[in-house]
Amino acid sequence: MSSILKSSWAQTWDRVQAGFRHAFATRPESMALSSEDQALLERIADAVVRRGMAAPAMVFLESLAPMNFVGSQALQVLAPVLEVVLDTKALDQAARLLERRDAIERLVGLMEARSLASAPSSSLSIHAPSHVSKGSSPQ
């Protein structure tokens, strides 16, 4: 009789430990994103880069990355108010994506890639000061 209680106690304890490991896991999930989720992340990254807000958005997202699950729950709470302005399906999809621990990292990576691709190459070249005329050398 005591061996039955010990085995059920051990099984219960293993389930509790597994639950805590899952709840406080810091590694990204190994599941791949669905095509709709990837498309949503790409749309968000494109919109942010197009508006020239990639750097501030990346800093903001990286600073709040440990709180992404809390953000997903906040979206669920604010859904009735946000549904007036945003699409319900996209709002649910964004909340579901924020529950994943690797979503912020993927979004930041997409924004970095898009901002590097859209950066004009002429801005990287060195220009002569405006007070020096072409053809003459500064003395």
Protein backbone atom coordinates (compact mmCIF):
# COMPACT_ATOMS: atom_id res chain seq x y z
CA MET A 1 0.00 0.00 0.00
CA SER A 2 2.77 2.43 0.85
CA SER A 3 4.53 1.72 -2.48
CA ILE A 4 1.36 2.78 -4.33
CA LEU A 5 1.28 6.08 -2.45
CA LYS A 6 4.98 6.65 -3.07
CA SER A 7 4.63 6.02 -6.81
CA SER A 8 1.62 8.32 -7.15
CA TRP A 9 3.42 10.97 -5.11
CA ALA A 10 6.48 10.65 -7.37
CA GLN A 11 4.33 10.93 -10.50
CA THR A 12 2.55 13.97 -9.11
CA TRP A 13 5.84 15.59 -8.19
CA ASP A 14 7.22 14.91 -11.70
CA ARG A 15 4.17 16.56 -13.27
CA VAL A 16 4.55 19.62 -11.00
CA GLN A 17 8.24 19.92 -11.92
CA ALA A 18 7.46 19.57 -15.62
CA GLY A 19 4.83 22.29 -15.30
CA PHE A 20 7.28 24.66 -13.64
CA ARG A 21 9.97 23.91 -16.24
CA HIS A 22 7.49 24.78 -18.98
CA ALA A 23 6.19 27.91 -17.25
CA PHE A 24 9.64 29.36 -16.64
CA ALA A 25 11.44 28.11 -19.74
CA THR A 26 13.80 30.61 -21.31
CA ARG A 27 14.60 28.71 -24.48
CA PRO A 28 12.54 29.43 -27.59
CA GLU A 29 9.98 26.91 -28.65
CA SER A 30 11.16 24.46 -31.24
CA MET A 31 7.92 24.61 -33.22
CA ALA A 32 8.10 26.42 -36.52
CA LEU A 33 5.81 29.36 -37.16
CA SER A 34 2.79 28.87 -39.36
CA SER A 35 2.67 30.73 -42.66
CA GLU A 36 0.03 33.14 -41.29
CA ASP A 37 2.16 33.91 -38.23
CA GLN A 38 5.24 34.50 -40.37
CA ALA A 39 3.21 36.76 -42.68
CA LEU A 40 1.96 38.80 -39.71
CA LEU A 41 5.50 39.27 -38.39
CA GLU A 42 6.66 40.34 -41.85
CA ARG A 43 3.78 42.84 -42.18
CA ILE A 44 4.63 44.35 -38.80
CA ALA A 45 8.35 44.54 -39.65
CA ASP A 46 7.60 46.15 -43.03
CA ALA A 47 5.29 48.73 -41.47
CA VAL A 48 7.82 49.68 -38.79
CA VAL A 49 10.74 49.94 -41.23
CA ARG A 50 8.67 51.88 -43.77
CA ARG A 51 7.92 54.48 -41.10
CA GLY A 52 11.60 54.73 -40.14
CA MET A 53 11.00 53.50 -36.60
CA ALA A 54 13.06 50.30 -36.71
CA ALA A 55 15.74 51.33 -34.19
CA PRO A 56 13.37 52.61 -31.48
CA ALA A 57 11.02 49.67 -32.02
CA MET A 58 13.86 47.16 -31.68
CA VAL A 59 15.07 48.79 -28.44
CA PHE A 60 11.51 48.80 -27.09
CA LEU A 61 10.85 45.20 -28.06
CA GLU A 62 14.16 43.90 -26.71
CA SER A 63 13.65 45.69 -23.40
CA LEU A 64 10.19 44.18 -22.99
CA ALA A 65 10.99 40.71 -24.37
CA PRO A 66 10.95 39.03 -20.94
CA MET A 67 7.40 40.33 -20.47
CA ASN A 68 5.99 39.07 -23.80
CA PHE A 69 3.53 36.70 -22.13
CA VAL A 70 2.19 39.54 -19.98
CA GLY A 71 1.80 41.58 -23.18
CA SER A 72 -0.22 38.80 -24.78
CA GLN A 73 -2.53 38.71 -21.78
CA ALA A 74 -2.87 42.51 -21.89
CA LEU A 75 -3.95 42.20 -25.53
CA GLN A 76 -6.60 39.69 -24.47
CA VAL A 77 -7.87 42.08 -21.79
CA LEU A 78 -7.89 45.09 -24.11
CA ALA A 79 -9.37 43.14 -27.05
CA PRO A 80 -12.90 44.58 -26.71
CA VAL A 81 -11.54 48.12 -26.98
CA LEU A 82 -8.96 47.36 -29.67
CA GLU A 83 -11.45 45.47 -31.86
CA VAL A 84 -13.01 48.81 -32.74
CA VAL A 85 -9.82 49.81 -34.55
CA LEU A 86 -8.05 46.53 -35.37
CA ASP A 87 -9.06 43.32 -37.09
CA THR A 88 -10.22 40.71 -34.58
CA LYS A 89 -8.41 37.85 -36.31
CA ALA A 90 -5.11 39.77 -36.43
CA LEU A 91 -5.50 40.77 -32.79
CA ASP A 92 -6.01 37.15 -31.70
CA GLN A 93 -3.10 36.06 -33.86
CA ALA A 94 -0.83 38.73 -32.35
CA ALA A 95 -1.79 37.70 -28.82
CA ARG A 96 -1.11 34.06 -29.65
CA LEU A 97 2.26 34.98 -31.16
CA LEU A 98 3.26 36.97 -28.08
CA GLU A 99 2.73 33.87 -25.97
CA ARG A 100 5.68 32.30 -27.80
CA ARG A 101 9.01 33.12 -26.22
CA ASP A 102 10.79 33.43 -29.58
CA ALA A 103 8.33 35.76 -31.34
CA ILE A 104 9.99 39.00 -30.23
CA GLU A 105 13.41 37.71 -31.26
CA ARG A 106 12.09 36.76 -34.70
CA LEU A 107 10.37 40.14 -35.15
CA VAL A 108 13.53 42.04 -34.20
CA GLY A 109 15.52 39.91 -36.65
CA LEU A 110 13.07 40.68 -39.44
CA MET A 111 13.20 44.41 -38.68
CA GLU A 112 17.01 44.36 -38.70
CA ALA A 113 17.12 42.56 -42.04
CA ARG A 114 14.55 44.88 -43.61
CA SER A 115 16.18 48.05 -42.29
CA LEU A 116 19.60 46.95 -43.59
CA ALA A 117 18.09 46.08 -46.97
CA SER A 118 16.28 49.42 -47.26
CA ALA A 119 19.26 51.55 -46.13
CA PRO A 120 20.54 53.62 -49.05
CA SER A 121 24.17 52.83 -49.91
CA SER A 122 24.93 56.50 -50.60
CA SER A 123 24.43 57.38 -46.94
CA LEU A 124 27.45 55.24 -46.09
CA SER A 125 29.85 57.15 -48.35
CA ILE A 126 31.97 60.00 -47.03
CA HIS A 127 31.19 63.42 -48.47
CA ALA A 128 33.49 66.41 -48.61
CA PRO A 129 32.54 69.32 -46.33
CA SER A 130 30.30 71.88 -47.99
CA HIS A 131 32.82 74.73 -47.63
CA VAL A 132 35.38 72.90 -49.81
CA SER A 133 34.71 73.34 -53.51
CA LYS A 134 35.20 70.44 -55.88
CA GLY A 135 38.55 70.43 -57.62
CA SER A 136 40.37 72.38 -54.92
CA SER A 137 42.16 70.88 -51.99
CA PRO A 138 41.78 72.13 -48.43
CA GLN A 139 44.85 73.90 -47.10
